[in-house]
Amino acid sequence: MILRGGFYVAESHVNCTGQPVKPVCGSNGNTYNNDCELRLASCKKQRKIEVAKLGVCDEGGFMCSCM
């Protein structure tokens, strides 16, 4: 994949299969198995998606202990 105009452009042979699973949270709030899958999603959607943080995205909501 190459970066062109702020978007990743996938070449026809790009394949993320076999890449190690190292979850990343995208700037769109979605969790991807690895950076490769995030970049591939950015290509397919033709939207700029960046790594917001390493690891899975927060599910949102509030954590509380109820009694």
C-alpha atoms as a PDB file:
ATOM      1  CA  MET A   1       0.000   0.000   0.000  1.00  0.00           C
ATOM      2  CA  ILE A   2       1.184   3.469  -0.765  1.00  0.00           C
ATOM      3  CA  LEU A   3       0.095   6.787   0.684  1.00  0.00           C
ATOM      4  CA  ARG A   4      -1.347   9.149  -1.899  1.00  0.00           C
ATOM      5  CA  GLY A   5      -3.147  12.383  -1.050  1.00  0.00           C
ATOM      6  CA  GLY A   6      -3.643  11.380   2.576  1.00  0.00           C
ATOM      7  CA  PHE A   7      -5.200   8.027   1.657  1.00  0.00           C
ATOM      8  CA  TYR A   8      -3.635   4.606   1.387  1.00  0.00           C
ATOM      9  CA  VAL A   9      -3.949   3.138  -2.089  1.00  0.00           C
ATOM     10  CA  ALA A  10      -3.988  -0.649  -2.187  1.00  0.00           C
ATOM     11  CA  GLU A  11      -2.214  -2.530  -4.880  1.00  0.00           C
ATOM     12  CA  SER A  12      -4.136  -5.520  -6.210  1.00  0.00           C
ATOM     13  CA  HIS A  13      -1.874  -8.019  -4.446  1.00  0.00           C
ATOM     14  CA  VAL A  14      -2.206  -6.602  -0.915  1.00  0.00           C
ATOM     15  CA  ASN A  15      -3.125  -9.339   1.535  1.00  0.00           C
ATOM     16  CA  CYS A  16      -3.068  -9.072   5.324  1.00  0.00           C
ATOM     17  CA  THR A  17      -3.430 -12.826   5.855  1.00  0.00           C
ATOM     18  CA  GLY A  18      -0.586 -14.169   7.931  1.00  0.00           C
ATOM     19  CA  GLN A  19       0.123 -10.845   9.615  1.00  0.00           C
ATOM     20  CA  PRO A  20       0.449 -11.107  13.401  1.00  0.00           C
ATOM     21  CA  VAL A  21      -2.602 -10.202  15.462  1.00  0.00           C
ATOM     22  CA  LYS A  22      -1.730  -6.934  17.206  1.00  0.00           C
ATOM     23  CA  PRO A  23      -5.048  -5.106  17.634  1.00  0.00           C
ATOM     24  CA  VAL A  24      -5.215  -1.395  16.912  1.00  0.00           C
ATOM     25  CA  CYS A  25      -8.036   1.073  17.442  1.00  0.00           C
ATOM     26  CA  GLY A  26      -8.809   3.151  14.374  1.00  0.00           C
ATOM     27  CA  SER A  27      -9.722   6.823  14.383  1.00  0.00           C
ATOM     28  CA  ASN A  28     -13.184   5.694  13.216  1.00  0.00           C
ATOM     29  CA  GLY A  29     -13.774   3.789  16.476  1.00  0.00           C
ATOM     30  CA  ASN A  30     -13.329   0.328  14.950  1.00  0.00           C
ATOM     31  CA  THR A  31     -10.843  -2.268  16.181  1.00  0.00           C
ATOM     32  CA  TYR A  32      -8.663  -3.948  13.552  1.00  0.00           C
ATOM     33  CA  ASN A  33      -6.572  -7.101  14.004  1.00  0.00           C
ATOM     34  CA  ASN A  34      -3.446  -5.197  12.954  1.00  0.00           C
ATOM     35  CA  ASP A  35      -2.177  -2.079  11.205  1.00  0.00           C
ATOM     36  CA  CYS A  36      -2.351  -3.816   7.811  1.00  0.00           C
ATOM     37  CA  GLU A  37      -6.100  -4.403   8.138  1.00  0.00           C
ATOM     38  CA  LEU A  38      -6.602  -0.789   9.238  1.00  0.00           C
ATOM     39  CA  ARG A  39      -4.745   0.508   6.179  1.00  0.00           C
ATOM     40  CA  LEU A  40      -6.667  -1.875   3.913  1.00  0.00           C
ATOM     41  CA  ALA A  41      -9.983  -0.613   5.347  1.00  0.00           C
ATOM     42  CA  SER A  42      -8.804   2.948   4.743  1.00  0.00           C
ATOM     43  CA  CYS A  43      -8.162   2.044   1.097  1.00  0.00           C
ATOM     44  CA  LYS A  44     -11.475   0.300   0.563  1.00  0.00           C
ATOM     45  CA  LYS A  45     -13.496   3.085   2.187  1.00  0.00           C
ATOM     46  CA  GLN A  46     -11.355   5.822   0.633  1.00  0.00           C
ATOM     47  CA  ARG A  47     -11.308   7.543   4.015  1.00  0.00           C
ATOM     48  CA  LYS A  48      -8.376   8.481   6.147  1.00  0.00           C
ATOM     49  CA  ILE A  49      -8.302   6.072   9.085  1.00  0.00           C
ATOM     50  CA  GLU A  50      -5.394   6.376  11.467  1.00  0.00           C
ATOM     51  CA  VAL A  51      -4.308   4.393  14.501  1.00  0.00           C
ATOM     52  CA  ALA A  52      -5.903   6.160  17.455  1.00  0.00           C
ATOM     53  CA  LYS A  53      -4.293   3.813  19.973  1.00  0.00           C
ATOM     54  CA  LEU A  54      -2.682   0.416  20.260  1.00  0.00           C
ATOM     55  CA  GLY A  55      -5.053  -2.298  21.441  1.00  0.00           C
ATOM     56  CA  VAL A  56      -8.802  -2.642  21.129  1.00  0.00           C
ATOM     57  CA  CYS A  57     -11.120   0.352  21.070  1.00  0.00           C
ATOM     58  CA  ASP A  58     -13.111   1.176  24.164  1.00  0.00           C
ATOM     59  CA  GLU A  59     -16.681  -0.052  23.904  1.00  0.00           C
ATOM     60  CA  GLY A  60     -18.034   3.155  25.367  1.00  0.00           C
ATOM     61  CA  GLY A  61     -20.519   3.532  28.136  1.00  0.00           C
ATOM     62  CA  PHE A  62     -19.680   3.699  31.793  1.00  0.00           C
ATOM     63  CA  MET A  63     -18.237   1.077  34.073  1.00  0.00           C
ATOM     64  CA  CYS A  64     -19.821   1.068  37.500  1.00  0.00           C
ATOM     65  CA  SER A  65     -20.393  -1.333  40.309  1.00  0.00           C
ATOM     66  CA  CYS A  66     -24.034  -1.627  41.215  1.00  0.00           C
ATOM     67  CA  MET A  67     -25.123  -2.844  44.633  1.00  0.00           C
END
